[in-house]
Protein backbone atom coordinates (compact mmCIF):
# COMPACT_ATOMS: atom_id res chain seq x y z
CA MET A 1 -20.88 -12.09 -55.07
CA ALA A 2 -20.39 -13.17 -51.48
CA ILE A 3 -23.08 -14.85 -49.46
CA LEU A 4 -22.87 -14.06 -45.77
CA GLY A 5 -24.66 -15.84 -43.03
CA SER A 6 -24.33 -18.65 -40.60
CA GLY A 7 -24.84 -22.06 -42.09
CA CYS A 8 -25.01 -20.87 -45.71
CA THR A 9 -23.52 -23.20 -48.26
CA LEU A 10 -22.00 -21.87 -51.42
CA SER A 11 -22.78 -23.72 -54.61
CA PRO A 12 -19.79 -25.38 -56.29
CA SER A 13 -20.02 -22.91 -59.19
CA THR A 14 -19.70 -19.84 -56.96
CA PRO A 15 -16.04 -18.91 -56.41
CA SER A 16 -15.27 -18.13 -52.78
CA THR A 17 -12.42 -17.37 -50.43
CA LEU A 18 -12.25 -19.11 -47.08
CA ARG A 19 -10.33 -16.97 -44.60
CA VAL A 20 -10.13 -17.00 -40.80
CA PRO A 21 -11.86 -13.99 -39.22
CA PRO A 22 -9.35 -11.46 -37.82
CA ALA A 23 -11.06 -11.54 -34.41
CA ALA A 24 -10.53 -15.31 -34.20
CA LEU A 25 -6.82 -14.85 -34.96
CA ASP A 26 -6.54 -12.08 -32.36
CA GLY A 27 -7.97 -14.41 -29.72
CA ILE A 28 -5.53 -17.16 -30.66
CA ARG A 29 -2.57 -14.78 -30.62
CA GLY A 30 -3.55 -13.84 -27.07
CA ILE A 31 -2.47 -17.20 -25.62
CA GLY A 32 1.21 -16.23 -25.66
CA ARG A 33 3.93 -14.38 -27.50
CA VAL A 34 3.71 -14.82 -31.29
CA GLN A 35 7.12 -15.79 -32.62
CA ALA A 36 6.18 -16.26 -36.26
CA GLU A 37 3.25 -16.16 -38.66
CA ALA A 38 2.76 -17.27 -42.23
CA ILE A 39 -0.11 -18.06 -44.55
CA ARG A 40 -0.69 -20.98 -46.86
CA GLU A 41 -2.95 -20.51 -49.87
CA ASN A 42 -4.57 -23.19 -51.98
CA GLU A 43 -6.88 -22.78 -54.93
CA ASP A 44 -9.27 -25.40 -56.29
CA ASN A 45 -11.86 -24.74 -59.02
CA GLY A 46 -11.60 -20.99 -58.45
CA ASN A 47 -12.10 -21.31 -54.69
CA ARG A 48 -9.31 -20.02 -52.43
CA GLN A 49 -8.41 -21.42 -49.03
CA ILE A 50 -6.20 -19.20 -46.87
CA ASP A 51 -4.81 -20.93 -43.79
CA ASN A 52 -2.96 -19.12 -41.02
CA LEU A 53 0.16 -20.72 -39.56
CA LEU A 54 1.30 -19.44 -36.18
CA VAL A 55 4.15 -20.24 -33.81
CA ILE A 56 3.39 -19.06 -30.29
CA ASP A 57 5.54 -19.15 -27.17
CA VAL A 58 3.34 -20.20 -24.26
CA GLY A 59 6.16 -20.25 -21.69
CA ALA A 60 6.39 -24.01 -21.24
CA THR A 61 9.38 -26.21 -20.43
CA SER A 62 8.57 -29.09 -22.79
CA GLY A 63 6.62 -29.79 -25.95
CA ARG A 64 4.01 -31.77 -24.00
CA GLU A 65 3.55 -28.97 -21.49
CA ALA A 66 3.32 -26.42 -24.32
CA LEU A 67 0.59 -28.44 -26.05
CA ASP A 68 -1.40 -28.92 -22.84
CA LYS A 69 -1.03 -25.29 -21.78
CA ALA A 70 -2.04 -23.95 -25.20
CA ALA A 71 -5.08 -26.26 -25.35
CA ASP A 72 -6.16 -25.05 -21.89
CA LEU A 73 -5.69 -21.40 -22.83
CA LEU A 74 -7.68 -21.90 -26.02
CA ALA A 75 -10.44 -23.75 -24.13
CA ALA A 76 -10.75 -20.69 -21.88
CA ARG A 77 -11.39 -18.71 -25.11
CA LYS A 78 -14.27 -21.00 -26.16
CA TRP A 79 -12.31 -23.45 -28.30
CA VAL A 80 -13.51 -27.04 -27.95
CA ILE A 81 -11.37 -30.14 -28.40
CA VAL A 82 -12.83 -32.33 -31.15
CA ALA A 83 -9.95 -34.79 -31.54
CA GLU A 84 -6.63 -35.40 -29.85
CA ASN A 85 -3.67 -37.70 -29.83
CA ARG A 86 -1.55 -36.30 -27.05
CA PRO A 87 1.29 -35.55 -26.81
CA THR A 88 1.45 -34.87 -30.55
CA ILE A 89 -1.75 -33.16 -31.72
CA VAL A 90 -5.00 -31.53 -30.61
CA SER A 91 -7.77 -30.42 -33.01
CA MET A 92 -10.20 -27.77 -31.86
CA ASP A 93 -13.32 -26.00 -33.13
CA SER A 94 -14.36 -22.50 -32.17
CA ALA A 95 -17.62 -22.01 -30.30
CA ASP A 96 -17.65 -18.36 -31.45
CA TRP A 97 -16.74 -18.84 -35.13
CA GLN A 98 -18.54 -21.99 -36.28
CA GLU A 99 -16.52 -22.52 -39.45
CA THR A 100 -13.13 -21.88 -37.81
CA HIS A 101 -10.93 -24.80 -36.79
CA LEU A 102 -7.37 -25.27 -35.65
CA VAL A 103 -4.77 -27.96 -35.30
CA LEU A 104 -2.31 -27.54 -32.43
CA ARG A 105 1.06 -29.29 -32.13
CA PRO A 106 4.31 -28.86 -30.22
CA PHE A 107 6.55 -26.87 -32.56
CA ARG A 108 8.86 -28.63 -35.03
CA ALA A 109 10.84 -26.63 -37.59
CA TYR A 110 9.86 -28.93 -40.47
CA TYR A 111 6.24 -27.76 -40.17
CA LEU A 112 7.43 -24.50 -41.75
CA GLU A 113 9.88 -25.89 -44.31
CA ASP A 114 7.89 -24.12 -47.06
CA HIS A 115 8.51 -20.82 -45.25
CA PRO A 116 12.31 -20.56 -44.84
CA GLU A 117 12.11 -16.82 -44.13
CA VAL A 118 10.01 -17.56 -41.04
CA LEU A 119 12.47 -20.20 -39.82
CA LYS A 120 15.38 -17.83 -40.38
CA LYS A 121 13.66 -15.11 -38.34
CA MET A 122 13.02 -17.56 -35.52
CA LYS A 123 16.61 -18.78 -35.54
CA GLU A 124 17.87 -15.20 -35.33
CA ALA A 125 15.57 -14.57 -32.36
CA SER A 126 17.02 -17.61 -30.52
CA VAL A 127 13.62 -18.89 -29.38
CA LYS A 128 13.39 -21.95 -27.13
CA GLU A 129 11.57 -24.61 -29.17
CA GLU A 130 10.27 -26.49 -26.12
CA SER A 131 8.09 -23.53 -25.13
CA LEU A 132 6.50 -23.20 -28.58
CA VAL A 133 3.31 -24.48 -30.16
CA TYR A 134 2.49 -24.58 -33.86
CA LEU A 135 -1.06 -23.83 -34.98
CA GLU A 136 -2.77 -24.22 -38.32
CA VAL A 137 -5.99 -22.19 -38.32
CA PHE A 138 -8.47 -22.52 -41.16
CA GLU A 139 -12.04 -22.02 -42.30
CA VAL A 140 -14.29 -24.69 -43.75
CA ALA A 141 -17.48 -24.20 -45.74
CA LEU A 142 -20.52 -25.62 -44.00
């Protein structure tokens, strides 16, 4: 049984799946050219957490510029900065999807070491790392 509604809290005994809404992902993908995507799944006490991992080319000339540009583009899409330690990381919450959060970083290959097929695809595409950002997008239960 799924309980839908803003602000609803599931009891610990009710199995659930936390997944980012497709519309939220579409908005994030719109900040540049998606170079790679993967998912990471975790399960705890019957509850599943599905995180989306994205690598997006935002057309920057350095990791710092890529981070700043991506954060600005996301802010224009109603994402709000909740924590930052520039030039390495920015955490944002969605104003449209209250339970959706993301962590934004300049791309580093080791972020995807658990997804070698994604890294291989990127290497074959000869992408310029300095223009890329890495995003982890996830849902949290309120």
